[in-house]
Amino acid sequence: MIFNNYATRLCSINAKSVMTSLRLYKYLLRECEKLPPKACSHYKFAVKQSFKQHKFEPDPERVKEIISKSIEDAKWVVNKYSNQ
């Protein structure tokens, strides 16, 4: 349980520095490294595909929403695999 609390705090500290799409991309790929090998490759592929899909997003507010949701999702996935 101590590890989970530490991982959550560490995750949120790093997540606070994510303000741009490039930093989000790096952050998400680093979070994938915390996962088991099969899950890591799956989520890395998903991250790359999502970035290709939203590459030309013109609305800055939508970009902020995507960043926020991506950070939440990354925390959920890391916690899911750390609890197993």
Foldseek 3Di string as FASTA:
>chain_A
DVVLVVVLVVLVVQLVPDDDPVSLLVSLLVLLVLAPPVSSVVSNVVSVVVCVVCVPPPDPVVVVVVSVVSSVVSSVVSSVRVVD
